[in-house]
Amino acid sequence: MKALPWVLAGMGAGAAIAYVMLNGPQPQAATGPNAFERAAGRAWFWGSKTRAGAAGRDAVGRLKEGLGRVTGDRKLAEEGIADQAIGGVQDAVGAVAQATGETIHNLNRA
């Protein structure tokens, strides 16, 4: 039961990060074909969702690694390190998707 507060705190932090990332500034509508604006919005939103998932996976990975080190469970610690690496890759992919969406939006405005 000692781990329960940490799990709940991690879930709360993940929810807060997801809320902030999903409610961030989005590309503004501009003059031009609506299909391009929709594509830009979808790319940006998908990138935001991916980055939120990456933040959650990274947090879970840190939790697993810490618990593994404290309990001496090497396998759990290694799983945590792997989860953190996957979270880093997901974050990078999400950042590229967001940048793509913003680029499409900016090109449409030009």
N, C-alpha and C. Protein backbone atom coordinates (compact mmCIF):
# COMPACT_ATOMS: atom_id res chain seq x y z
N MET A 1 0.81 -1.19 0.00
CA MET A 1 0.00 0.00 0.00
C MET A 1 0.85 1.26 0.00
N LYS A 2 2.16 1.14 0.22
CA LYS A 2 3.01 2.32 0.24
C LYS A 2 3.17 2.92 -1.15
N ALA A 3 3.00 2.11 -2.17
CA ALA A 3 3.17 2.59 -3.54
C ALA A 3 1.93 3.30 -4.06
N LEU A 4 0.78 3.07 -3.46
CA LEU A 4 -0.47 3.64 -3.95
C LEU A 4 -0.44 5.17 -4.04
N PRO A 5 0.05 5.89 -3.03
CA PRO A 5 0.09 7.35 -3.18
C PRO A 5 0.96 7.80 -4.34
N TRP A 6 2.05 7.10 -4.59
CA TRP A 6 2.93 7.46 -5.70
C TRP A 6 2.25 7.19 -7.04
N VAL A 7 1.52 6.10 -7.12
CA VAL A 7 0.80 5.79 -8.36
C VAL A 7 -0.27 6.85 -8.62
N LEU A 8 -1.01 7.20 -7.57
CA LEU A 8 -2.04 8.23 -7.73
C LEU A 8 -1.44 9.58 -8.08
N ALA A 9 -0.30 9.91 -7.47
CA ALA A 9 0.37 11.17 -7.79
C ALA A 9 0.84 11.17 -9.24
N GLY A 10 1.36 10.05 -9.69
CA GLY A 10 1.80 9.94 -11.09
C GLY A 10 0.64 10.08 -12.06
N MET A 11 -0.48 9.47 -11.73
CA MET A 11 -1.65 9.57 -12.59
C MET A 11 -2.16 11.01 -12.63
N GLY A 12 -2.15 11.67 -11.48
CA GLY A 12 -2.58 13.07 -11.43
C GLY A 12 -1.66 13.97 -12.23
N ALA A 13 -0.36 13.73 -12.11
CA ALA A 13 0.60 14.53 -12.88
C ALA A 13 0.42 14.28 -14.37
N GLY A 14 0.20 13.03 -14.75
CA GLY A 14 -0.02 12.71 -16.16
C GLY A 14 -1.27 13.38 -16.70
N ALA A 15 -2.33 13.38 -15.91
CA ALA A 15 -3.58 14.03 -16.33
C ALA A 15 -3.37 15.54 -16.47
N ALA A 16 -2.61 16.12 -15.56
CA ALA A 16 -2.36 17.57 -15.64
C ALA A 16 -1.53 17.90 -16.87
N ILE A 17 -0.52 17.10 -17.16
CA ILE A 17 0.31 17.33 -18.35
C ILE A 17 -0.53 17.18 -19.61
N ALA A 18 -1.38 16.15 -19.65
CA ALA A 18 -2.23 15.94 -20.82
C ALA A 18 -3.18 17.12 -21.01
N TYR A 19 -3.75 17.62 -19.94
CA TYR A 19 -4.68 18.75 -20.03
C TYR A 19 -3.97 19.98 -20.60
N VAL A 20 -2.77 20.26 -20.09
CA VAL A 20 -2.04 21.43 -20.55
C VAL A 20 -1.65 21.28 -22.03
N MET A 21 -1.19 20.10 -22.40
CA MET A 21 -0.74 19.91 -23.78
C MET A 21 -1.91 19.90 -24.76
N LEU A 22 -3.02 19.32 -24.39
CA LEU A 22 -4.14 19.25 -25.31
C LEU A 22 -4.91 20.56 -25.40
N ASN A 23 -4.75 21.44 -24.43
CA ASN A 23 -5.44 22.72 -24.46
C ASN A 23 -4.51 23.87 -24.79
N GLY A 24 -3.37 23.56 -25.39
CA GLY A 24 -2.41 24.59 -25.78
C GLY A 24 -2.89 25.34 -27.01
N PRO A 25 -2.11 26.32 -27.42
CA PRO A 25 -2.51 27.10 -28.59
C PRO A 25 -2.52 26.23 -29.84
N GLN A 26 -3.54 26.38 -30.64
CA GLN A 26 -3.65 25.64 -31.88
C GLN A 26 -3.50 26.60 -33.04
N PRO A 27 -3.15 26.08 -34.21
CA PRO A 27 -3.02 26.97 -35.36
C PRO A 27 -4.32 27.72 -35.61
N GLN A 28 -4.20 28.99 -35.91
CA GLN A 28 -5.37 29.81 -36.18
C GLN A 28 -5.85 29.57 -37.60
N ALA A 29 -7.14 29.68 -37.80
CA ALA A 29 -7.70 29.53 -39.14
C ALA A 29 -7.23 30.69 -40.00
N ALA A 30 -6.92 30.39 -41.23
CA ALA A 30 -6.47 31.43 -42.15
C ALA A 30 -7.23 31.29 -43.45
N THR A 31 -7.04 32.25 -44.30
CA THR A 31 -7.68 32.16 -45.60
C THR A 31 -6.97 31.10 -46.42
N GLY A 32 -7.70 30.33 -47.13
CA GLY A 32 -7.14 29.26 -47.95
C GLY A 32 -8.05 28.06 -47.90
N PRO A 33 -7.67 27.02 -48.62
CA PRO A 33 -8.51 25.82 -48.66
C PRO A 33 -8.69 25.21 -47.27
N ASN A 34 -9.91 24.89 -46.94
CA ASN A 34 -10.20 24.31 -45.63
C ASN A 34 -9.56 22.95 -45.45
N ALA A 35 -9.35 22.21 -46.54
CA ALA A 35 -8.74 20.89 -46.43
C ALA A 35 -7.34 21.00 -45.84
N PHE A 36 -6.61 22.03 -46.23
CA PHE A 36 -5.26 22.20 -45.70
C PHE A 36 -5.31 22.55 -44.21
N GLU A 37 -6.25 23.39 -43.85
CA GLU A 37 -6.38 23.76 -42.44
C GLU A 37 -6.77 22.55 -41.59
N ARG A 38 -7.69 21.73 -42.12
CA ARG A 38 -8.07 20.51 -41.38
C ARG A 38 -6.89 19.57 -41.25
N ALA A 39 -6.11 19.42 -42.30
CA ALA A 39 -4.93 18.55 -42.24
C ALA A 39 -3.92 19.08 -41.23
N ALA A 40 -3.72 20.39 -41.23
CA ALA A 40 -2.79 20.99 -40.28
C ALA A 40 -3.29 20.78 -38.85
N GLY A 41 -4.60 20.97 -38.64
CA GLY A 41 -5.16 20.78 -37.30
C GLY A 41 -5.06 19.34 -36.84
N ARG A 42 -5.34 18.40 -37.76
CA ARG A 42 -5.23 16.99 -37.38
C ARG A 42 -3.80 16.61 -37.04
N ALA A 43 -2.83 17.06 -37.84
CA ALA A 43 -1.43 16.75 -37.56
C ALA A 43 -1.01 17.33 -36.22
N TRP A 44 -1.41 18.57 -35.97
CA TRP A 44 -1.03 19.20 -34.72
C TRP A 44 -1.66 18.48 -33.53
N PHE A 45 -2.95 18.14 -33.64
CA PHE A 45 -3.64 17.46 -32.54
C PHE A 45 -3.06 16.07 -32.31
N TRP A 46 -2.77 15.34 -33.39
CA TRP A 46 -2.18 14.01 -33.23
C TRP A 46 -0.82 14.12 -32.54
N GLY A 47 -0.05 15.13 -32.90
CA GLY A 47 1.23 15.34 -32.23
C GLY A 47 1.06 15.63 -30.75
N SER A 48 0.02 16.41 -30.41
CA SER A 48 -0.24 16.72 -29.00
C SER A 48 -0.61 15.46 -28.23
N LYS A 49 -1.48 14.63 -28.83
CA LYS A 49 -1.86 13.38 -28.16
C LYS A 49 -0.66 12.47 -27.98
N THR A 50 0.18 12.40 -29.00
CA THR A 50 1.37 11.55 -28.92
C THR A 50 2.31 12.03 -27.83
N ARG A 51 2.49 13.35 -27.76
CA ARG A 51 3.39 13.89 -26.73
C ARG A 51 2.83 13.68 -25.33
N ALA A 52 1.50 13.78 -25.18
CA ALA A 52 0.89 13.52 -23.87
C ALA A 52 1.09 12.06 -23.47
N GLY A 53 0.89 11.16 -24.41
CA GLY A 53 1.13 9.74 -24.14
C GLY A 53 2.59 9.47 -23.80
N ALA A 54 3.48 10.19 -24.48
CA ALA A 54 4.91 10.03 -24.21
C ALA A 54 5.26 10.49 -22.80
N ALA A 55 4.66 11.59 -22.38
CA ALA A 55 4.92 12.09 -21.02
C ALA A 55 4.44 11.08 -19.98
N GLY A 56 3.28 10.48 -20.25
CA GLY A 56 2.77 9.45 -19.33
C GLY A 56 3.67 8.23 -19.29
N ARG A 57 4.11 7.78 -20.46
CA ARG A 57 4.97 6.59 -20.52
C ARG A 57 6.31 6.87 -19.82
N ASP A 58 6.83 8.09 -20.02
CA ASP A 58 8.09 8.45 -19.36
C ASP A 58 7.91 8.45 -17.84
N ALA A 59 6.79 8.99 -17.37
CA ALA A 59 6.54 9.02 -15.92
C ALA A 59 6.42 7.61 -15.36
N VAL A 60 5.70 6.75 -16.08
CA VAL A 60 5.58 5.36 -15.63
C VAL A 60 6.94 4.69 -15.63
N GLY A 61 7.74 4.98 -16.66
CA GLY A 61 9.09 4.41 -16.73
C GLY A 61 9.95 4.84 -15.56
N ARG A 62 9.87 6.11 -15.20
CA ARG A 62 10.64 6.59 -14.05
C ARG A 62 10.17 5.92 -12.75
N LEU A 63 8.85 5.75 -12.64
CA LEU A 63 8.31 5.08 -11.47
C LEU A 63 8.79 3.64 -11.39
N LYS A 64 8.72 2.93 -12.52
CA LYS A 64 9.17 1.53 -12.55
C LYS A 64 10.66 1.44 -12.21
N GLU A 65 11.45 2.32 -12.81
CA GLU A 65 12.88 2.28 -12.55
C GLU A 65 13.17 2.52 -11.07
N GLY A 66 12.51 3.52 -10.50
CA GLY A 66 12.72 3.81 -9.08
C GLY A 66 12.30 2.66 -8.18
N LEU A 67 11.13 2.09 -8.45
CA LEU A 67 10.67 0.95 -7.64
C LEU A 67 11.60 -0.25 -7.80
N GLY A 68 12.06 -0.46 -9.03
CA GLY A 68 12.98 -1.57 -9.27
C GLY A 68 14.28 -1.40 -8.51
N ARG A 69 14.79 -0.18 -8.47
CA ARG A 69 16.04 0.07 -7.75
C ARG A 69 15.84 -0.07 -6.23
N VAL A 70 14.70 0.44 -5.75
CA VAL A 70 14.45 0.36 -4.31
C VAL A 70 14.25 -1.08 -3.85
N THR A 71 13.50 -1.86 -4.64
CA THR A 71 13.21 -3.23 -4.25
C THR A 71 14.29 -4.22 -4.69
N GLY A 72 15.24 -3.74 -5.51
CA GLY A 72 16.30 -4.64 -5.98
C GLY A 72 15.86 -5.51 -7.16
N ASP A 73 14.74 -5.17 -7.78
CA ASP A 73 14.22 -5.93 -8.91
C ASP A 73 14.83 -5.35 -10.19
N ARG A 74 15.88 -5.99 -10.67
CA ARG A 74 16.62 -5.49 -11.82
C ARG A 74 15.75 -5.48 -13.08
N LYS A 75 14.92 -6.49 -13.23
CA LYS A 75 14.06 -6.56 -14.42
C LYS A 75 13.08 -5.38 -14.47
N LEU A 76 12.49 -5.04 -13.34
CA LEU A 76 11.55 -3.92 -13.29
C LEU A 76 12.27 -2.60 -13.60
N ALA A 77 13.48 -2.44 -13.07
CA ALA A 77 14.25 -1.23 -13.35
C ALA A 77 14.58 -1.13 -14.84
N GLU A 78 14.93 -2.26 -15.46
CA GLU A 78 15.23 -2.25 -16.89
C GLU A 78 13.99 -1.95 -17.72
N GLU A 79 12.84 -2.47 -17.30
CA GLU A 79 11.58 -2.14 -17.99
C GLU A 79 11.31 -0.64 -17.90
N GLY A 80 11.59 -0.07 -16.75
CA GLY A 80 11.40 1.37 -16.57
C GLY A 80 12.30 2.18 -17.49
N ILE A 81 13.54 1.75 -17.63
CA ILE A 81 14.47 2.44 -18.52
C ILE A 81 13.98 2.33 -19.97
N ALA A 82 13.49 1.15 -20.35
CA ALA A 82 12.97 0.95 -21.70
C ALA A 82 11.74 1.83 -21.94
N ASP A 83 10.85 1.91 -20.95
CA ASP A 83 9.67 2.77 -21.08
C ASP A 83 10.06 4.24 -21.25
N GLN A 84 11.09 4.66 -20.53
CA GLN A 84 11.55 6.04 -20.67
C GLN A 84 12.10 6.30 -22.07
N ALA A 85 12.83 5.32 -22.62
CA ALA A 85 13.37 5.48 -23.97
C ALA A 85 12.24 5.55 -25.00
N ILE A 86 11.25 4.70 -24.85
CA ILE A 86 10.10 4.72 -25.76
C ILE A 86 9.36 6.05 -25.64
N GLY A 87 9.21 6.53 -24.41
CA GLY A 87 8.56 7.83 -24.20
C GLY A 87 9.33 8.96 -24.88
N GLY A 88 10.65 8.89 -24.85
CA GLY A 88 11.46 9.90 -25.52
C GLY A 88 11.26 9.89 -27.03
N VAL A 89 11.20 8.70 -27.60
CA VAL A 89 10.97 8.58 -29.04
C VAL A 89 9.57 9.09 -29.40
N GLN A 90 8.57 8.71 -28.60
CA GLN A 90 7.21 9.18 -28.85
C GLN A 90 7.13 10.71 -28.77
N ASP A 91 7.84 11.29 -27.82
CA ASP A 91 7.83 12.74 -27.68
C ASP A 91 8.43 13.40 -28.92
N ALA A 92 9.52 12.84 -29.42
CA ALA A 92 10.15 13.39 -30.63
C ALA A 92 9.21 13.29 -31.83
N VAL A 93 8.53 12.16 -31.97
CA VAL A 93 7.58 11.98 -33.08
C VAL A 93 6.44 12.99 -32.95
N GLY A 94 5.95 13.18 -31.75
CA GLY A 94 4.87 14.15 -31.53
C GLY A 94 5.32 15.57 -31.84
N ALA A 95 6.55 15.89 -31.49
CA ALA A 95 7.07 17.23 -31.78
C ALA A 95 7.17 17.45 -33.29
N VAL A 96 7.60 16.42 -34.01
CA VAL A 96 7.68 16.52 -35.47
C VAL A 96 6.27 16.70 -36.06
N ALA A 97 5.30 15.96 -35.55
CA ALA A 97 3.93 16.09 -36.04
C ALA A 97 3.37 17.47 -35.77
N GLN A 98 3.64 18.02 -34.59
CA GLN A 98 3.17 19.37 -34.29
C GLN A 98 3.84 20.39 -35.20
N ALA A 99 5.14 20.24 -35.42
CA ALA A 99 5.84 21.16 -36.31
C ALA A 99 5.31 21.05 -37.74
N THR A 100 4.98 19.84 -38.16
CA THR A 100 4.41 19.65 -39.49
C THR A 100 3.07 20.37 -39.61
N GLY A 101 2.23 20.21 -38.62
CA GLY A 101 0.95 20.89 -38.63
C GLY A 101 1.08 22.40 -38.68
N GLU A 102 2.01 22.94 -37.90
CA GLU A 102 2.22 24.38 -37.91
C GLU A 102 2.79 24.85 -39.24
N THR A 103 3.67 24.04 -39.84
CA THR A 103 4.25 24.40 -41.13
C THR A 103 3.18 24.41 -42.21
N ILE A 104 2.31 23.40 -42.23
CA ILE A 104 1.22 23.37 -43.21
C ILE A 104 0.34 24.59 -43.03
N HIS A 105 0.05 24.91 -41.79
CA HIS A 105 -0.79 26.08 -41.49
C HIS A 105 -0.12 27.36 -42.01
N ASN A 106 1.17 27.53 -41.71
CA ASN A 106 1.88 28.73 -42.12
C ASN A 106 2.00 28.82 -43.64
N LEU A 107 2.23 27.71 -44.30
CA LEU A 107 2.31 27.72 -45.76
C LEU A 107 0.96 28.07 -46.37
N ASN A 108 -0.11 27.62 -45.74
CA ASN A 108 -1.45 27.92 -46.24
C ASN A 108 -1.75 29.41 -46.10
N ARG A 109 -1.21 30.04 -45.10
CA ARG A 109 -1.46 31.47 -44.88
C ARG A 109 -0.70 32.33 -45.87
N ALA A 110 0.41 31.81 -46.37
CA ALA A 110 1.26 32.61 -47.28
C ALA A 110 0.62 32.80 -48.63
